[in-house]
Protein backbone atom coordinates (compact mmCIF):
# COMPACT_ATOMS: atom_id res chain seq x y z
CA MET A 1 0.00 -0.40 -0.11
CA SER A 2 2.30 2.25 -1.38
CA ASP A 3 0.13 5.27 -1.68
CA ALA A 4 -0.85 5.69 2.08
CA PRO A 5 2.01 7.85 2.93
CA TYR A 6 0.46 9.97 -0.49
CA VAL A 7 -2.94 9.85 1.41
CA ALA A 8 -1.96 10.91 5.03
CA LYS A 9 0.53 13.80 3.50
CA CYS A 10 -2.40 15.01 1.58
CA LEU A 11 -5.48 14.34 4.79
CA TRP A 12 -2.44 16.49 7.00
CA ARG A 13 -2.46 19.17 4.60
CA ASP A 14 -6.24 19.48 4.03
CA GLU A 15 -5.65 18.50 0.43
CA LEU A 16 -9.05 16.30 -0.46
CA LEU A 17 -9.13 15.60 -3.88
CA PRO A 18 -5.63 14.15 -4.39
CA ALA A 19 -6.22 12.26 -1.51
CA LYS A 20 -9.45 10.88 -2.30
CA TRP A 21 -7.65 9.99 -5.59
CA CYS A 22 -4.85 8.19 -4.63
CA LEU A 23 -7.41 6.52 -1.82
CA ASP A 24 -10.42 5.38 -3.33
CA CYS A 25 -8.56 5.06 -7.33
CA ASP A 26 -5.03 4.01 -6.48
CA MET A 27 -5.59 1.91 -3.29
CA LYS A 28 -8.60 0.69 -3.38
CA TYR A 29 -9.76 0.28 -6.79
CA THR A 30 -5.87 -0.77 -8.55
CA TYR A 31 -4.85 -2.77 -5.70
CA LEU A 32 -7.38 -3.64 -3.07
CA ARG A 33 -9.92 -4.95 -5.53
CA GLN A 34 -7.47 -7.18 -6.98
CA LEU A 35 -6.90 -9.07 -4.36
CA LEU A 36 -10.88 -8.99 -3.23
CA GLU A 37 -11.01 -10.82 -7.01
CA TRP A 38 -8.39 -13.77 -5.57
CA ARG A 39 -9.98 -13.53 -2.44
CA MET A 40 -13.05 -14.25 -4.63
CA GLU A 41 -11.67 -17.06 -6.84
CA ILE A 42 -10.23 -18.82 -3.77
CA ASN A 43 -13.55 -19.02 -2.51
CA TYR A 44 -14.78 -20.48 -5.83
CA GLY A 45 -11.68 -22.86 -7.04
CA TRP A 46 -11.11 -20.02 -9.74
CA SER A 47 -14.06 -21.37 -11.94
CA VAL A 48 -16.00 -18.04 -11.48
CA PRO A 49 -14.65 -15.05 -13.24
CA ALA A 50 -14.50 -11.68 -11.41
CA GLY A 51 -16.82 -9.05 -12.77
CA PHE A 52 -16.00 -6.19 -14.67
CA LEU A 53 -14.84 -3.29 -11.96
CA GLY A 54 -15.54 -5.91 -8.67
CA LYS A 55 -19.17 -6.83 -10.17
CA GLY A 56 -20.56 -9.11 -8.31
CA LEU A 57 -17.71 -9.36 -5.66
CA LYS A 58 -20.51 -8.55 -2.91
CA LYS A 59 -22.24 -11.16 -3.73
CA ARG A 60 -19.46 -13.68 -3.82
CA LEU A 61 -17.37 -12.37 -0.83
CA PRO A 62 -17.72 -13.73 2.80
CA PRO A 63 -20.65 -11.03 4.50
CA ASP A 64 -17.87 -9.75 7.00
CA VAL A 65 -14.93 -8.91 4.05
CA TRP A 66 -17.57 -6.91 2.16
CA ALA A 67 -18.45 -5.24 5.23
CA GLN A 68 -14.96 -3.98 5.88
CA VAL A 69 -15.07 -2.63 1.89
CA GLU A 70 -18.02 -0.50 3.04
CA GLN A 71 -15.88 0.74 6.05
CA THR A 72 -13.64 1.73 3.15
CA TYR A 73 -16.02 4.38 1.66
CA VAL A 74 -16.53 7.62 3.10
CA GLY A 75 -17.42 11.05 2.41
CA ALA A 76 -15.21 14.33 2.19
CA ARG A 77 -14.52 14.87 5.77
CA VAL A 78 -11.17 14.86 6.61
CA ALA A 79 -12.01 13.27 9.87
CA ASP A 80 -13.90 10.44 7.96
CA ASN A 81 -10.88 9.72 5.32
CA TRP A 82 -8.57 9.08 7.85
CA ASP A 83 -10.87 6.08 9.40
CA ALA A 84 -11.11 4.96 5.73
CA LEU A 85 -7.07 5.02 4.99
CA ALA A 86 -6.63 2.91 8.40
CA HIS A 87 -9.66 0.53 7.52
CA THR A 88 -8.23 0.13 3.96
CA LEU A 89 -5.09 -0.55 5.47
CA ALA A 90 -6.31 -3.11 7.64
CA LEU A 91 -8.41 -4.95 4.97
CA PHE A 92 -5.59 -5.22 2.34
CA ARG A 93 -4.03 -6.60 5.74
CA ARG A 94 -6.08 -9.34 6.11
CA VAL A 95 -6.55 -10.05 2.59
CA ALA A 96 -3.17 -10.02 1.37
CA LEU A 97 -2.43 -12.62 4.20
CA GLU A 98 -5.75 -15.00 3.35
CA VAL A 99 -4.79 -15.19 -0.64
CA GLY A 100 -1.08 -15.43 0.16
CA GLY A 101 -1.21 -17.87 2.59
CA HIS A 102 -3.78 -19.76 0.16
CA LEU A 103 -0.72 -19.45 -2.95
CA GLY A 104 2.13 -19.94 -0.80
CA TYR A 105 3.15 -16.32 -0.57
CA ALA A 106 4.22 -14.57 3.11
CA TYR A 107 2.95 -11.31 3.42
CA LEU A 108 5.84 -8.48 4.61
CA ASP A 109 3.79 -8.05 7.54
CA ASP A 110 6.72 -5.78 9.06
CA LEU A 111 6.81 -3.02 6.36
CA HIS A 112 2.79 -3.40 6.46
CA GLN A 113 3.68 -2.23 10.34
CA ARG A 114 6.00 0.71 9.43
CA VAL A 115 3.87 2.09 7.08
CA SER A 116 0.90 2.00 9.60
CA GLU A 117 3.04 3.32 11.69
CA TYR A 118 4.20 6.34 9.73
CA VAL A 119 0.64 7.17 8.51
CA GLU A 120 -0.47 7.13 12.54
CA GLN A 121 2.53 9.76 12.91
CA ILE A 122 1.55 11.46 10.21
CA LYS A 123 -1.64 12.25 11.20
CA GLN A 124 -1.03 12.60 14.99
CA THR A 125 1.97 15.13 14.59
CA GLY A 126 2.10 16.14 10.78
CA LEU A 127 5.92 15.38 11.15
CA HIS A 128 7.98 12.64 8.90
CA PRO A 129 10.17 10.11 10.93
CA MET A 130 13.33 12.23 9.39
CA PRO A 131 14.09 14.90 12.35
CA GLY A 132 13.30 18.62 10.94
CA LEU A 133 11.27 17.10 8.33
CA LYS A 134 7.84 18.46 7.65
CA PRO A 135 4.87 18.08 4.91
CA SER A 136 4.74 21.68 3.39
CA ARG A 137 1.47 23.71 3.40
CA ARG A 138 1.71 24.78 -0.37
């Protein structure tokens, strides 16, 4: 979820449009959707093709997974988008662990944890982990 720090910086700067683009289009549509489709395919033995643009996922994913997907979509409030980012990261991790485990791949949990901590640091302080660096307000 390489876009997570960028989303965090945009939210901290109160830049809604780039934050929403990276969160909803890049993180969710490009990367999370693909994982969700693979998760669905695992349940159906790779015999049911994924629908265009994620069509059919709600019917074919476990209800608790779909409920988590719904938590990742919010409106324009910055606070809500911070929550959506956290939910997106958590869901990505969950589904990546399930899919990776099924396919025999390890998930880089240490990297996920470091990215999540960095995002939280930006949210709480607006500071980069490197001393003296702070996101520009331009």
